[in-house]
C-alpha atoms as a PDB file:
ATOM      1  CA  UNK A   1      79.765  34.794 127.703  1.00  0.00           C
ATOM      2  CA  UNK A   2      82.466  36.124 126.414  1.00  0.00           C
ATOM      3  CA  UNK A   3      81.239  36.533 122.984  1.00  0.00           C
ATOM      4  CA  UNK A   4      77.876  38.377 124.310  1.00  0.00           C
ATOM      5  CA  UNK A   5      80.250  40.519 125.960  1.00  0.00           C
ATOM      6  CA  UNK A   6      81.808  41.721 123.028  1.00  0.00           C
ATOM      7  CA  UNK A   7      79.025  41.580 121.325  1.00  0.00           C
ATOM      8  CA  UNK A   8      77.695  43.508 123.889  1.00  0.00           C
ATOM      9  CA  UNK A   9      80.375  46.391 124.040  1.00  0.00           C
ATOM     10  CA  UNK A  10      80.722  46.580 119.745  1.00  0.00           C
ATOM     11  CA  UNK A  11      76.477  47.529 119.924  1.00  0.00           C
ATOM     12  CA  UNK A  12      77.643  49.993 122.961  1.00  0.00           C
ATOM     13  CA  UNK A  13      80.529  51.512 119.996  1.00  0.00           C
ATOM     14  CA  UNK A  14      78.306  51.731 117.134  1.00  0.00           C
ATOM     15  CA  UNK A  15      75.218  53.657 119.254  1.00  0.00           C
ATOM     16  CA  UNK A  16      78.234  56.007 120.283  1.00  0.00           C
ATOM     17  CA  UNK A  17      79.827  56.470 116.273  1.00  0.00           C
ATOM     18  CA  UNK A  18      76.109  57.600 114.996  1.00  0.00           C
ATOM     19  CA  UNK A  19      75.573  59.620 118.379  1.00  0.00           C
ATOM     20  CA  UNK A  20      78.438  61.217 117.429  1.00  0.00           C
ATOM     21  CA  UNK A  21      78.530  61.745 113.697  1.00  0.00           C
ATOM     22  CA  UNK A  22      74.794  62.992 114.601  1.00  0.00           C
ATOM     23  CA  UNK A  23      76.142  65.638 117.134  1.00  0.00           C
ATOM     24  CA  UNK A  24      78.703  66.991 114.430  1.00  0.00           C
ATOM     25  CA  UNK A  25      76.423  67.723 111.813  1.00  0.00           C
ATOM     26  CA  UNK A  26      74.665  69.427 113.997  1.00  0.00           C
ATOM     27  CA  UNK A  27      77.308  71.786 114.819  1.00  0.00           C
ATOM     28  CA  UNK A  28      78.863  71.700 111.494  1.00  0.00           C
ATOM     29  CA  UNK A  29      75.163  72.905 110.189  1.00  0.00           C
ATOM     30  CA  UNK A  30      75.552  75.573 112.652  1.00  0.00           C
ATOM     31  CA  UNK A  31      78.346  76.521 111.949  1.00  0.00           C
ATOM     32  CA  UNK A  32      78.252  77.217 108.477  1.00  0.00           C
ATOM     33  CA  UNK A  33      74.571  79.602 109.412  1.00  0.00           C
ATOM     34  CA  UNK A  34      76.961  81.596 112.000  1.00  0.00           C
ATOM     35  CA  UNK A  35      79.989  82.092 108.711  1.00  0.00           C
ATOM     36  CA  UNK A  36      77.387  83.210 106.565  1.00  0.00           C
ATOM     37  CA  UNK A  37      76.246  86.383 108.830  1.00  0.00           C
ATOM     38  CA  UNK A  38      79.067  88.732 109.212  1.00  0.00           C
ATOM     39  CA  UNK A  39      80.890  88.334 112.070  1.00  0.00           C
ATOM     40  CA  UNK A  40      84.114  90.750 110.756  1.00  0.00           C
ATOM     41  CA  UNK A  41      84.168  94.231 110.081  1.00  0.00           C
ATOM     42  CA  UNK A  42      87.480  95.412 108.642  1.00  0.00           C
ATOM     43  CA  UNK A  43      88.222  99.108 108.311  1.00  0.00           C
ATOM     44  CA  UNK A  44      91.032 100.126 106.817  1.00  0.00           C
ATOM     45  CA  UNK A  45      92.983 103.288 108.016  1.00  0.00           C
ATOM     46  CA  UNK A  46      96.250 104.836 107.534  1.00  0.00           C
ATOM     47  CA  UNK A  47      97.904 104.504 110.983  1.00  0.00           C
ATOM     48  CA  UNK A  48      99.617 107.650 110.762  1.00  0.00           C
ATOM     49  CA  UNK A  49      97.054 110.101 110.741  1.00  0.00           C
ATOM     50  CA  UNK A  50      95.938 111.973 114.202  1.00  0.00           C
ATOM     51  CA  UNK A  51      93.617 112.096 115.675  1.00  0.00           C
ATOM     52  CA  UNK A  52      90.815 110.048 113.612  1.00  0.00           C
ATOM     53  CA  UNK A  53      93.670 107.047 112.807  1.00  0.00           C
ATOM     54  CA  UNK A  54      97.148 106.723 114.465  1.00  0.00           C
ATOM     55  CA  UNK A  55      99.314 104.305 117.009  1.00  0.00           C
ATOM     56  CA  UNK A  56      99.522 105.612 120.717  1.00  0.00           C
ATOM     57  CA  UNK A  57     102.704 105.693 121.845  1.00  0.00           C
ATOM     58  CA  UNK A  58     101.999 104.343 125.231  1.00  0.00           C
ATOM     59  CA  UNK A  59      99.979 101.433 124.403  1.00  0.00           C
ATOM     60  CA  UNK A  60     101.458 100.402 121.694  1.00  0.00           C
ATOM     61  CA  UNK A  61      97.270 100.113 120.080  1.00  0.00           C
ATOM     62  CA  UNK A  62      95.522 101.575 117.227  1.00  0.00           C
ATOM     63  CA  UNK A  63      93.723 104.234 117.923  1.00  0.00           C
ATOM     64  CA  UNK A  64      91.528 107.431 117.238  1.00  0.00           C
ATOM     65  CA  UNK A  65      88.748 109.447 116.339  1.00  0.00           C
ATOM     66  CA  UNK A  66      87.268 107.030 113.435  1.00  0.00           C
ATOM     67  CA  UNK A  67      88.552 103.771 115.129  1.00  0.00           C
ATOM     68  CA  UNK A  68      86.916 104.707 118.156  1.00  0.00           C
ATOM     69  CA  UNK A  69      83.449 105.356 116.293  1.00  0.00           C
ATOM     70  CA  UNK A  70      84.152 101.982 114.071  1.00  0.00           C
ATOM     71  CA  UNK A  71      84.599 100.463 117.118  1.00  0.00           C
ATOM     72  CA  UNK A  72      81.469 101.373 118.866  1.00  0.00           C
ATOM     73  CA  UNK A  73      79.586 100.599 115.594  1.00  0.00           C
ATOM     74  CA  UNK A  74      80.612  97.833 115.881  1.00  0.00           C
ATOM     75  CA  UNK A  75      79.297  96.972 119.256  1.00  0.00           C
ATOM     76  CA  UNK A  76      75.598  98.008 118.911  1.00  0.00           C
ATOM     77  CA  UNK A  77      75.901  95.313 115.447  1.00  0.00           C
ATOM     78  CA  UNK A  78      77.481  92.787 117.781  1.00  0.00           C
ATOM     79  CA  UNK A  79      80.810  92.480 115.509  1.00  0.00           C
ATOM     80  CA  UNK A  80      84.028  92.193 115.646  1.00  0.00           C
ATOM     81  CA  UNK A  81      86.374  95.202 114.820  1.00  0.00           C
ATOM     82  CA  UNK A  82      89.886  94.549 112.434  1.00  0.00           C
ATOM     83  CA  UNK A  83      91.298  97.390 112.073  1.00  0.00           C
ATOM     84  CA  UNK A  84      94.137  97.161 109.352  1.00  0.00           C
ATOM     85  CA  UNK A  85      96.958  99.527 108.453  1.00  0.00           C
ATOM     86  CA  UNK A  86      97.149 100.292 104.902  1.00  0.00           C
ATOM     87  CA  UNK A  87      99.087 102.523 102.691  1.00  0.00           C
ATOM     88  CA  UNK A  88      97.450 105.390 101.450  1.00  0.00           C
ATOM     89  CA  UNK A  89      98.266 104.635  97.777  1.00  0.00           C
ATOM     90  CA  UNK A  90      96.725 101.058  97.674  1.00  0.00           C
ATOM     91  CA  UNK A  91      93.164 102.076  99.053  1.00  0.00           C
ATOM     92  CA  UNK A  92      91.452 101.368  96.597  1.00  0.00           C
ATOM     93  CA  UNK A  93      92.703  98.257  95.626  1.00  0.00           C
ATOM     94  CA  UNK A  94      92.701  96.912  99.366  1.00  0.00           C
ATOM     95  CA  UNK A  95      88.774  97.954  98.819  1.00  0.00           C
ATOM     96  CA  UNK A  96      88.358  96.166  95.841  1.00  0.00           C
ATOM     97  CA  UNK A  97      89.600  93.191  96.895  1.00  0.00           C
ATOM     98  CA  UNK A  98      87.823  93.020  99.486  1.00  0.00           C
ATOM     99  CA  UNK A  99      91.074  92.525 101.877  1.00  0.00           C
ATOM    100  CA  UNK A 100      89.074  95.634 103.448  1.00  0.00           C
ATOM    101  CA  UNK A 101      84.898  96.628 103.801  1.00  0.00           C
ATOM    102  CA  UNK A 102      85.587 100.338 104.286  1.00  0.00           C
ATOM    103  CA  UNK A 103      87.642 103.314 104.015  1.00  0.00           C
ATOM    104  CA  UNK A 104      87.432 104.718 107.896  1.00  0.00           C
ATOM    105  CA  UNK A 105      90.350 107.803 108.360  1.00  0.00           C
ATOM    106  CA  UNK A 106      89.640 111.171 107.425  1.00  0.00           C
ATOM    107  CA  UNK A 107      88.266 109.721 104.066  1.00  0.00           C
ATOM    108  CA  UNK A 108      87.405 112.783 101.635  1.00  0.00           C
ATOM    109  CA  UNK A 109      83.750 113.218  99.932  1.00  0.00           C
ATOM    110  CA  UNK A 110      84.431 115.993  97.548  1.00  0.00           C
ATOM    111  CA  UNK A 111      85.452 115.186  94.303  1.00  0.00           C
ATOM    112  CA  UNK A 112      85.188 111.149  94.837  1.00  0.00           C
ATOM    113  CA  UNK A 113      81.227 111.161  94.829  1.00  0.00           C
ATOM    114  CA  UNK A 114      81.350 108.724  92.224  1.00  0.00           C
ATOM    115  CA  UNK A 115      83.783 106.679  93.019  1.00  0.00           C
ATOM    116  CA  UNK A 116      82.559 105.099  96.548  1.00  0.00           C
ATOM    117  CA  UNK A 117      79.188 104.424  97.853  1.00  0.00           C
ATOM    118  CA  UNK A 118      79.083 106.832 100.760  1.00  0.00           C
ATOM    119  CA  UNK A 119      78.057 106.903 104.068  1.00  0.00           C
ATOM    120  CA  UNK A 120      76.173 110.615 105.094  1.00  0.00           C
ATOM    121  CA  UNK A 121      78.983 113.093 105.882  1.00  0.00           C
ATOM    122  CA  UNK A 122      80.195 113.347 109.543  1.00  0.00           C
ATOM    123  CA  UNK A 123      83.167 116.046 109.449  1.00  0.00           C
ATOM    124  CA  UNK A 124      83.218 119.045 108.218  1.00  0.00           C
ATOM    125  CA  UNK A 125      86.757 119.608 107.117  1.00  0.00           C
ATOM    126  CA  UNK A 126      89.058 122.001 105.733  1.00  0.00           C
ATOM    127  CA  UNK A 127      92.602 122.484 103.715  1.00  0.00           C
ATOM    128  CA  UNK A 128      94.962 124.632 105.651  1.00  0.00           C
ATOM    129  CA  UNK A 129      98.693 125.328 106.182  1.00  0.00           C
ATOM    130  CA  UNK A 130     101.568 124.751 108.718  1.00  0.00           C
ATOM    131  CA  UNK A 131     104.197 126.557 109.127  1.00  0.00           C
ATOM    132  CA  UNK A 132     107.263 126.998 111.914  1.00  0.00           C
ATOM    133  CA  UNK A 133     106.264 129.404 114.551  1.00  0.00           C
ATOM    134  CA  UNK A 134     108.841 131.582 114.397  1.00  0.00           C
ATOM    135  CA  UNK A 135     108.509 131.550 110.203  1.00  0.00           C
ATOM    136  CA  UNK A 136     107.537 134.631 108.329  1.00  0.00           C
ATOM    137  CA  UNK A 137     104.192 133.209 106.183  1.00  0.00           C
ATOM    138  CA  UNK A 138     101.820 135.132 107.103  1.00  0.00           C
ATOM    139  CA  UNK A 139      99.359 133.964 104.564  1.00  0.00           C
ATOM    140  CA  UNK A 140      98.906 132.080 101.499  1.00  0.00           C
ATOM    141  CA  UNK A 141     100.431 134.607  99.580  1.00  0.00           C
ATOM    142  CA  UNK A 142     103.697 134.244 101.180  1.00  0.00           C
ATOM    143  CA  UNK A 143     103.860 130.801  99.975  1.00  0.00           C
ATOM    144  CA  UNK A 144     105.866 132.023  96.557  1.00  0.00           C
ATOM    145  CA  UNK A 145     108.657 130.690  95.972  1.00  0.00           C
ATOM    146  CA  UNK A 146     108.145 128.802  98.694  1.00  0.00           C
ATOM    147  CA  UNK A 147     108.344 124.492  99.317  1.00  0.00           C
ATOM    148  CA  UNK A 148     105.264 123.244 100.205  1.00  0.00           C
ATOM    149  CA  UNK A 149     104.472 119.577 101.421  1.00  0.00           C
ATOM    150  CA  UNK A 150     101.465 117.731 100.721  1.00  0.00           C
ATOM    151  CA  UNK A 151     100.404 114.109 101.238  1.00  0.00           C
ATOM    152  CA  UNK A 152     100.241 111.837  98.565  1.00  0.00           C
ATOM    153  CA  UNK A 153      96.790 111.021  97.255  1.00  0.00           C
ATOM    154  CA  UNK A 154      95.603 113.546  99.757  1.00  0.00           C
ATOM    155  CA  UNK A 155      92.521 116.445  99.743  1.00  0.00           C
ATOM    156  CA  UNK A 156      94.878 118.985 100.269  1.00  0.00           C
ATOM    157  CA  UNK A 157      97.013 117.561  97.049  1.00  0.00           C
ATOM    158  CA  UNK A 158      93.455 117.774  95.027  1.00  0.00           C
ATOM    159  CA  UNK A 159      93.233 120.999  96.469  1.00  0.00           C
ATOM    160  CA  UNK A 160      95.677 122.516  95.091  1.00  0.00           C
ATOM    161  CA  UNK A 161      95.969 120.769  91.584  1.00  0.00           C
ATOM    162  CA  UNK A 162      92.937 118.350  91.028  1.00  0.00           C
ATOM    163  CA  UNK A 163      90.399 118.297  88.255  1.00  0.00           C
ATOM    164  CA  UNK A 164      88.176 120.281  90.770  1.00  0.00           C
ATOM    165  CA  UNK A 165      90.839 122.895  92.107  1.00  0.00           C
ATOM    166  CA  UNK A 166      89.814 126.821  91.385  1.00  0.00           C
ATOM    167  CA  UNK A 167      91.749 128.540  89.229  1.00  0.00           C
ATOM    168  CA  UNK A 168      92.888 130.584  92.461  1.00  0.00           C
ATOM    169  CA  UNK A 169      94.372 127.627  94.009  1.00  0.00           C
ATOM    170  CA  UNK A 170      96.332 126.439  90.910  1.00  0.00           C
ATOM    171  CA  UNK A 171      97.949 129.878  90.520  1.00  0.00           C
ATOM    172  CA  UNK A 172      99.092 129.814  94.229  1.00  0.00           C
ATOM    173  CA  UNK A 173     100.218 126.255  93.260  1.00  0.00           C
ATOM    174  CA  UNK A 174     102.484 127.255  90.194  1.00  0.00           C
ATOM    175  CA  UNK A 175     103.718 129.877  92.305  1.00  0.00           C
ATOM    176  CA  UNK A 176     105.172 127.683  94.882  1.00  0.00           C
ATOM    177  CA  UNK A 177     109.102 126.333  94.436  1.00  0.00           C
ATOM    178  CA  UNK A 178     108.591 123.244  95.093  1.00  0.00           C
ATOM    179  CA  UNK A 179     105.042 121.363  95.753  1.00  0.00           C
ATOM    180  CA  UNK A 180     106.415 117.849  97.647  1.00  0.00           C
ATOM    181  CA  UNK A 181     104.184 114.840  97.963  1.00  0.00           C
ATOM    182  CA  UNK A 182     104.753 112.718 101.094  1.00  0.00           C
ATOM    183  CA  UNK A 183     104.686 109.350 102.150  1.00  0.00           C
ATOM    184  CA  UNK A 184     102.144 110.682 105.412  1.00  0.00           C
ATOM    185  CA  UNK A 185     102.589 114.079 107.387  1.00  0.00           C
ATOM    186  CA  UNK A 186     104.398 112.673 110.767  1.00  0.00           C
ATOM    187  CA  UNK A 187     107.274 112.613 108.091  1.00  0.00           C
ATOM    188  CA  UNK A 188     106.287 116.203 106.423  1.00  0.00           C
ATOM    189  CA  UNK A 189     106.214 117.718 109.745  1.00  0.00           C
ATOM    190  CA  UNK A 190     109.267 116.685 110.431  1.00  0.00           C
ATOM    191  CA  UNK A 191     110.716 117.803 107.622  1.00  0.00           C
ATOM    192  CA  UNK A 192     109.177 121.226 108.178  1.00  0.00           C
ATOM    193  CA  UNK A 193     110.466 121.622 111.655  1.00  0.00           C
ATOM    194  CA  UNK A 194     114.038 120.062 109.910  1.00  0.00           C
ATOM    195  CA  UNK A 195     113.963 123.215 107.738  1.00  0.00           C
ATOM    196  CA  UNK A 196     113.581 120.893 104.546  1.00  0.00           C
ATOM    197  CA  UNK A 197     110.462 122.163 103.572  1.00  0.00           C
ATOM    198  CA  UNK A 198     109.000 125.883 104.080  1.00  0.00           C
ATOM    199  CA  UNK A 199     105.323 124.915 104.957  1.00  0.00           C
ATOM    200  CA  UNK A 200     102.711 121.798 104.651  1.00  0.00           C
ATOM    201  CA  UNK A 201      99.134 121.840 103.732  1.00  0.00           C
ATOM    202  CA  UNK A 202      96.932 120.069 105.503  1.00  0.00           C
ATOM    203  CA  UNK A 203      93.208 118.364 107.673  1.00  0.00           C
ATOM    204  CA  UNK A 204      92.723 121.055 109.586  1.00  0.00           C
ATOM    205  CA  UNK A 205      91.401 118.141 112.270  1.00  0.00           C
ATOM    206  CA  UNK A 206      95.308 117.157 111.935  1.00  0.00           C
ATOM    207  CA  UNK A 207      97.169 120.136 111.884  1.00  0.00           C
ATOM    208  CA  UNK A 208      94.974 120.728 114.715  1.00  0.00           C
ATOM    209  CA  UNK A 209      96.232 117.615 116.536  1.00  0.00           C
ATOM    210  CA  UNK A 210      99.946 118.698 115.964  1.00  0.00           C
ATOM    211  CA  UNK A 211      99.837 122.574 116.538  1.00  0.00           C
ATOM    212  CA  UNK A 212      97.993 121.680 120.068  1.00  0.00           C
ATOM    213  CA  UNK A 213     100.659 119.589 120.852  1.00  0.00           C
ATOM    214  CA  UNK A 214     103.419 121.457 119.549  1.00  0.00           C
ATOM    215  CA  UNK A 215     102.314 125.125 120.222  1.00  0.00           C
ATOM    216  CA  UNK A 216     106.115 125.674 120.683  1.00  0.00           C
ATOM    217  CA  UNK A 217     107.197 124.990 116.977  1.00  0.00           C
ATOM    218  CA  UNK A 218     103.966 125.279 114.594  1.00  0.00           C
ATOM    219  CA  UNK A 219     101.176 127.315 114.060  1.00  0.00           C
ATOM    220  CA  UNK A 220      98.331 126.952 111.246  1.00  0.00           C
ATOM    221  CA  UNK A 221      97.418 130.108 109.108  1.00  0.00           C
ATOM    222  CA  UNK A 222      93.880 131.568 108.975  1.00  0.00           C
ATOM    223  CA  UNK A 223      93.618 131.587 105.408  1.00  0.00           C
ATOM    224  CA  UNK A 224      92.340 128.397 104.523  1.00  0.00           C
ATOM    225  CA  UNK A 225      92.892 126.068 101.186  1.00  0.00           C
ATOM    226  CA  UNK A 226      89.833 124.836 100.235  1.00  0.00           C
ATOM    227  CA  UNK A 227      86.833 123.185 103.258  1.00  0.00           C
ATOM    228  CA  UNK A 228      84.835 119.785 102.645  1.00  0.00           C
ATOM    229  CA  UNK A 229      83.923 116.553 104.249  1.00  0.00           C
ATOM    230  CA  UNK A 230      84.147 113.490 105.826  1.00  0.00           C
ATOM    231  CA  UNK A 231      82.583 110.155 104.735  1.00  0.00           C
ATOM    232  CA  UNK A 232      82.647 107.037 105.348  1.00  0.00           C
ATOM    233  CA  UNK A 233      83.990 104.506 101.870  1.00  0.00           C
ATOM    234  CA  UNK A 234      82.586 101.505 100.742  1.00  0.00           C
ATOM    235  CA  UNK A 235      83.116  99.692  97.939  1.00  0.00           C
ATOM    236  CA  UNK A 236      80.740 101.004  94.500  1.00  0.00           C
ATOM    237  CA  UNK A 237      78.005  99.177  95.241  1.00  0.00           C
ATOM    238  CA  UNK A 238      78.314  98.386  98.157  1.00  0.00           C
ATOM    239  CA  UNK A 239      74.361 100.257 100.270  1.00  0.00           C
ATOM    240  CA  UNK A 240      73.582  96.904 102.418  1.00  0.00           C
ATOM    241  CA  UNK A 241      77.050  97.261 104.571  1.00  0.00           C
ATOM    242  CA  UNK A 242      76.711 100.915 103.989  1.00  0.00           C
ATOM    243  CA  UNK A 243      73.282 101.191 105.107  1.00  0.00           C
ATOM    244  CA  UNK A 244      73.979  99.088 108.733  1.00  0.00           C
ATOM    245  CA  UNK A 245      76.947 100.653 109.697  1.00  0.00           C
ATOM    246  CA  UNK A 246      75.002 103.994 108.854  1.00  0.00           C
ATOM    247  CA  UNK A 247      71.713 102.720 110.577  1.00  0.00           C
ATOM    248  CA  UNK A 248      74.289 101.858 113.883  1.00  0.00           C
ATOM    249  CA  UNK A 249      76.279 105.368 113.165  1.00  0.00           C
ATOM    250  CA  UNK A 250      73.253 107.500 113.646  1.00  0.00           C
ATOM    251  CA  UNK A 251      71.801 105.314 116.525  1.00  0.00           C
ATOM    252  CA  UNK A 252      75.551 107.217 118.496  1.00  0.00           C
ATOM    253  CA  UNK A 253      74.293 110.268 117.242  1.00  0.00           C
ATOM    254  CA  UNK A 254      71.410 110.363 119.225  1.00  0.00           C
ATOM    255  CA  UNK A 255      72.801 108.601 122.528  1.00  0.00           C
ATOM    256  CA  UNK A 256      75.050 110.990 122.283  1.00  0.00           C
ATOM    257  CA  UNK A 257      77.924 107.926 122.176  1.00  0.00           C
ATOM    258  CA  UNK A 258      78.907 110.206 118.922  1.00  0.00           C
ATOM    259  CA  UNK A 259      79.859 113.382 120.840  1.00  0.00           C
ATOM    260  CA  UNK A 260      81.746 111.814 123.538  1.00  0.00           C
ATOM    261  CA  UNK A 261      83.744 110.343 120.854  1.00  0.00           C
ATOM    262  CA  UNK A 262      83.720 113.533 119.162  1.00  0.00           C
ATOM    263  CA  UNK A 263      85.321 115.311 122.820  1.00  0.00           C
ATOM    264  CA  UNK A 264      87.585 112.102 123.711  1.00  0.00           C
ATOM    265  CA  UNK A 265      89.721 113.944 120.435  1.00  0.00           C
ATOM    266  CA  UNK A 266      88.744 117.941 120.686  1.00  0.00           C
ATOM    267  CA  UNK A 267      86.682 117.146 117.762  1.00  0.00           C
ATOM    268  CA  UNK A 268      83.634 118.531 118.496  1.00  0.00           C
ATOM    269  CA  UNK A 269      83.733 121.674 116.562  1.00  0.00           C
ATOM    270  CA  UNK A 270      84.329 119.646 113.112  1.00  0.00           C
ATOM    271  CA  UNK A 271      81.280 117.075 113.783  1.00  0.00           C
ATOM    272  CA  UNK A 272      78.307 117.822 111.318  1.00  0.00           C
ATOM    273  CA  UNK A 273      75.884 115.399 113.069  1.00  0.00           C
ATOM    274  CA  UNK A 274      73.603 116.151 115.669  1.00  0.00           C
ATOM    275  CA  UNK A 275      74.304 119.797 115.771  1.00  0.00           C
ATOM    276  CA  UNK A 276      70.884 122.082 115.398  1.00  0.00           C
END
């Protein structure tokens, strides 16, 4: 009798083992298929570039116009957004190594047309000069003999000294006492406030955001250095991913979400999509 019971138990255990193996294979197949599909979208951005990408002082979370757009795109595509702060100087290495899927952070197309696979332009931007509120600098010519700061590897630097810089801008830059390259615009503005530099050349969206928060400290000159457009930069040749993201972005334009996010960050006048 005991032998019969033991044999029965062995048979039951064998059935369970085979059933378990069969279940595991099914799940493994399902997981493999899921992993083959893209579920995570990693956006590289400068964490000190408000209002496009920055850390909220109250919540400690990364936020901004571009990050909100990226989140809305991911919501539409059913992807998980990963916000990846990067050193701006290392952005190409991050992209080419696959650490990030794109550069989405007030990224200027002009002068880089052949270096990346670009989305459609979505923001019209200009390079402007910020000075202290009580500064005697009133126009670009007044920058002669002054110390001017720009962010390293920025559009402002390219507009003043790059290969495509106009002769007028090159002449202007040559008139400065010094053109300082600083890691980020927060530090540049702190140096301006402290008197270590006389002016900061930067993107108008970033300038407007900072000046609106500190109108008693800064002002923007009327004269502009250059005009440009922002796009989403993907690794050269990655048109498949670009098309998916761009199609989702255009849905946001059509349903009004794009304009809603722009209004949140006071960029209504800067966007160039969805306008007649």
